[in-house]
Amino acid sequence: MNTFNESAIASYITSMAEKNCKKLSDESLSDMETGKLLGKLEAYNDFLDRFGFDRVECKNVPLEEK
């Protein structure tokens, strides 16, 4: 069982990850910007994994870029 604080932080991290998923659909992003967003998503998912929450998967990101 998670504490309220952990759940609140996980909710925030999940919403930030989803926001970055939406940003990744922008085709005008440079490779550097895309890489930064993918790195943030990886860090967010590592945090969520550590505390037993579901990962955020971006449906708009091809599998080879994940």
N, C-alpha and C. Protein backbone atom coordinates (compact mmCIF):
# COMPACT_ATOMS: atom_id res chain seq x y z
N MET A 1 0.83 -1.18 0.00
CA MET A 1 0.00 0.00 0.00
C MET A 1 0.88 1.25 0.00
N ASN A 2 0.49 2.22 -0.80
CA ASN A 2 1.25 3.45 -0.91
C ASN A 2 0.64 4.55 -0.05
N THR A 3 1.50 5.44 0.40
CA THR A 3 1.00 6.56 1.18
C THR A 3 0.35 7.57 0.26
N PHE A 4 -0.39 8.49 0.86
CA PHE A 4 -1.03 9.54 0.07
C PHE A 4 0.03 10.34 -0.67
N ASN A 5 1.12 10.64 -0.01
CA ASN A 5 2.18 11.44 -0.62
C ASN A 5 2.75 10.75 -1.85
N GLU A 6 3.03 9.45 -1.75
CA GLU A 6 3.54 8.70 -2.90
C GLU A 6 2.54 8.70 -4.04
N SER A 7 1.27 8.52 -3.73
CA SER A 7 0.23 8.51 -4.75
C SER A 7 0.10 9.87 -5.42
N ALA A 8 0.20 10.94 -4.64
CA ALA A 8 0.12 12.29 -5.20
C ALA A 8 1.30 12.57 -6.13
N ILE A 9 2.48 12.17 -5.72
CA ILE A 9 3.67 12.37 -6.55
C ILE A 9 3.57 11.53 -7.82
N ALA A 10 3.12 10.30 -7.70
CA ALA A 10 2.97 9.43 -8.86
C ALA A 10 1.94 10.00 -9.84
N SER A 11 0.89 10.59 -9.32
CA SER A 11 -0.12 11.21 -10.17
C SER A 11 0.48 12.38 -10.95
N TYR A 12 1.29 13.19 -10.28
CA TYR A 12 1.96 14.31 -10.93
C TYR A 12 2.93 13.81 -12.00
N ILE A 13 3.73 12.80 -11.66
CA ILE A 13 4.72 12.25 -12.60
C ILE A 13 4.00 11.67 -13.81
N THR A 14 2.89 10.98 -13.59
CA THR A 14 2.12 10.41 -14.69
C THR A 14 1.60 11.51 -15.61
N SER A 15 1.09 12.58 -15.03
CA SER A 15 0.56 13.66 -15.88
C SER A 15 1.69 14.36 -16.65
N MET A 16 2.87 14.49 -16.04
CA MET A 16 4.00 15.08 -16.75
C MET A 16 4.45 14.17 -17.90
N ALA A 17 4.46 12.87 -17.67
CA ALA A 17 4.84 11.93 -18.72
C ALA A 17 3.85 11.99 -19.87
N GLU A 18 2.57 12.06 -19.55
CA GLU A 18 1.54 12.13 -20.60
C GLU A 18 1.67 13.43 -21.39
N LYS A 19 2.01 14.51 -20.70
CA LYS A 19 2.23 15.80 -21.36
C LYS A 19 3.40 15.69 -22.35
N ASN A 20 4.47 15.00 -21.93
CA ASN A 20 5.62 14.81 -22.82
C ASN A 20 5.28 13.91 -24.00
N CYS A 21 4.39 12.94 -23.79
CA CYS A 21 3.93 12.10 -24.91
C CYS A 21 3.26 12.96 -25.97
N LYS A 22 2.45 13.91 -25.53
CA LYS A 22 1.78 14.80 -26.48
C LYS A 22 2.80 15.67 -27.22
N LYS A 23 3.83 16.14 -26.51
CA LYS A 23 4.86 16.96 -27.14
C LYS A 23 5.62 16.17 -28.20
N LEU A 24 5.77 14.86 -27.98
CA LEU A 24 6.52 14.03 -28.94
C LEU A 24 5.81 13.91 -30.29
N SER A 25 4.53 14.20 -30.32
CA SER A 25 3.80 14.11 -31.60
C SER A 25 4.08 15.31 -32.49
N ASP A 26 4.75 16.32 -31.97
CA ASP A 26 5.11 17.51 -32.75
C ASP A 26 6.25 17.15 -33.70
N GLU A 27 5.97 17.20 -34.99
CA GLU A 27 6.97 16.79 -35.99
C GLU A 27 8.08 17.81 -36.19
N SER A 28 7.94 19.00 -35.62
CA SER A 28 8.97 20.02 -35.79
C SER A 28 10.07 19.94 -34.74
N LEU A 29 10.00 18.94 -33.86
CA LEU A 29 11.04 18.78 -32.84
C LEU A 29 12.35 18.33 -33.47
N SER A 30 13.43 18.88 -32.97
CA SER A 30 14.75 18.43 -33.43
C SER A 30 15.07 17.09 -32.77
N ASP A 31 16.10 16.44 -33.26
CA ASP A 31 16.52 15.16 -32.66
C ASP A 31 16.92 15.36 -31.20
N MET A 32 17.54 16.50 -30.90
CA MET A 32 17.96 16.79 -29.53
C MET A 32 16.75 16.94 -28.61
N GLU A 33 15.74 17.69 -29.06
CA GLU A 33 14.54 17.87 -28.26
C GLU A 33 13.80 16.55 -28.06
N THR A 34 13.73 15.74 -29.11
CA THR A 34 13.09 14.43 -29.00
C THR A 34 13.83 13.56 -28.01
N GLY A 35 15.15 13.58 -28.08
CA GLY A 35 15.97 12.79 -27.15
C GLY A 35 15.77 13.21 -25.71
N LYS A 36 15.67 14.52 -25.48
CA LYS A 36 15.44 15.01 -24.12
C LYS A 36 14.09 14.53 -23.58
N LEU A 37 13.06 14.62 -24.43
CA LEU A 37 11.74 14.18 -24.00
C LEU A 37 11.72 12.67 -23.72
N LEU A 38 12.39 11.89 -24.56
CA LEU A 38 12.44 10.45 -24.34
C LEU A 38 13.21 10.12 -23.06
N GLY A 39 14.26 10.89 -22.78
CA GLY A 39 15.01 10.70 -21.54
C GLY A 39 14.16 11.00 -20.32
N LYS A 40 13.37 12.08 -20.40
CA LYS A 40 12.47 12.41 -19.29
C LYS A 40 11.44 11.30 -19.09
N LEU A 41 10.89 10.79 -20.19
CA LEU A 41 9.91 9.71 -20.08
C LEU A 41 10.52 8.48 -19.42
N GLU A 42 11.74 8.18 -19.78
CA GLU A 42 12.41 7.02 -19.18
C GLU A 42 12.58 7.23 -17.67
N ALA A 43 12.99 8.44 -17.28
CA ALA A 43 13.17 8.74 -15.86
C ALA A 43 11.83 8.68 -15.12
N TYR A 44 10.78 9.24 -15.72
CA TYR A 44 9.46 9.18 -15.09
C TYR A 44 9.02 7.73 -14.90
N ASN A 45 9.21 6.91 -15.93
CA ASN A 45 8.80 5.51 -15.84
C ASN A 45 9.63 4.74 -14.83
N ASP A 46 10.92 5.05 -14.72
CA ASP A 46 11.75 4.41 -13.70
C ASP A 46 11.22 4.73 -12.30
N PHE A 47 10.83 5.97 -12.09
CA PHE A 47 10.27 6.36 -10.80
C PHE A 47 8.98 5.59 -10.53
N LEU A 48 8.10 5.56 -11.53
CA LEU A 48 6.82 4.86 -11.36
C LEU A 48 7.04 3.37 -11.08
N ASP A 49 7.99 2.76 -11.80
CA ASP A 49 8.32 1.35 -11.55
C ASP A 49 8.80 1.13 -10.12
N ARG A 50 9.63 2.01 -9.66
CA ARG A 50 10.23 1.86 -8.33
C ARG A 50 9.17 1.81 -7.23
N PHE A 51 8.11 2.57 -7.42
CA PHE A 51 7.07 2.64 -6.40
C PHE A 51 5.85 1.79 -6.75
N GLY A 52 5.98 0.95 -7.78
CA GLY A 52 4.93 -0.01 -8.08
C GLY A 52 3.73 0.53 -8.84
N PHE A 53 3.91 1.64 -9.53
CA PHE A 53 2.82 2.20 -10.33
C PHE A 53 3.00 1.79 -11.79
N ASP A 54 1.92 1.91 -12.58
CA ASP A 54 1.97 1.57 -14.00
C ASP A 54 2.81 2.57 -14.78
N ARG A 55 3.54 2.04 -15.75
CA ARG A 55 4.34 2.88 -16.64
C ARG A 55 3.43 3.65 -17.59
N VAL A 56 3.94 4.75 -18.12
CA VAL A 56 3.24 5.53 -19.13
C VAL A 56 3.84 5.18 -20.48
N GLU A 57 3.01 4.69 -21.38
CA GLU A 57 3.46 4.34 -22.73
C GLU A 57 2.89 5.35 -23.71
N CYS A 58 3.74 5.86 -24.56
CA CYS A 58 3.30 6.81 -25.59
C CYS A 58 2.89 6.05 -26.84
N LYS A 59 1.65 6.19 -27.22
CA LYS A 59 1.16 5.49 -28.40
C LYS A 59 1.67 6.13 -29.70
N ASN A 60 2.08 7.39 -29.63
CA ASN A 60 2.52 8.09 -30.83
C ASN A 60 4.03 7.97 -31.08
N VAL A 61 4.74 7.18 -30.26
CA VAL A 61 6.17 7.01 -30.43
C VAL A 61 6.45 5.64 -31.01
N PRO A 62 7.09 5.59 -32.20
CA PRO A 62 7.43 4.28 -32.76
C PRO A 62 8.30 3.47 -31.80
N LEU A 63 8.13 2.15 -31.83
CA LEU A 63 8.80 1.26 -30.89
C LEU A 63 10.32 1.43 -30.91
N GLU A 64 10.92 1.65 -32.08
CA GLU A 64 12.38 1.76 -32.14
C GLU A 64 12.91 3.02 -31.48
N GLU A 65 12.06 4.03 -31.20
CA GLU A 65 12.52 5.24 -30.55
C GLU A 65 12.41 5.16 -29.04
N LYS A 66 11.71 4.18 -28.52
CA LYS A 66 11.51 4.09 -27.06
C LYS A 66 12.77 3.62 -26.38
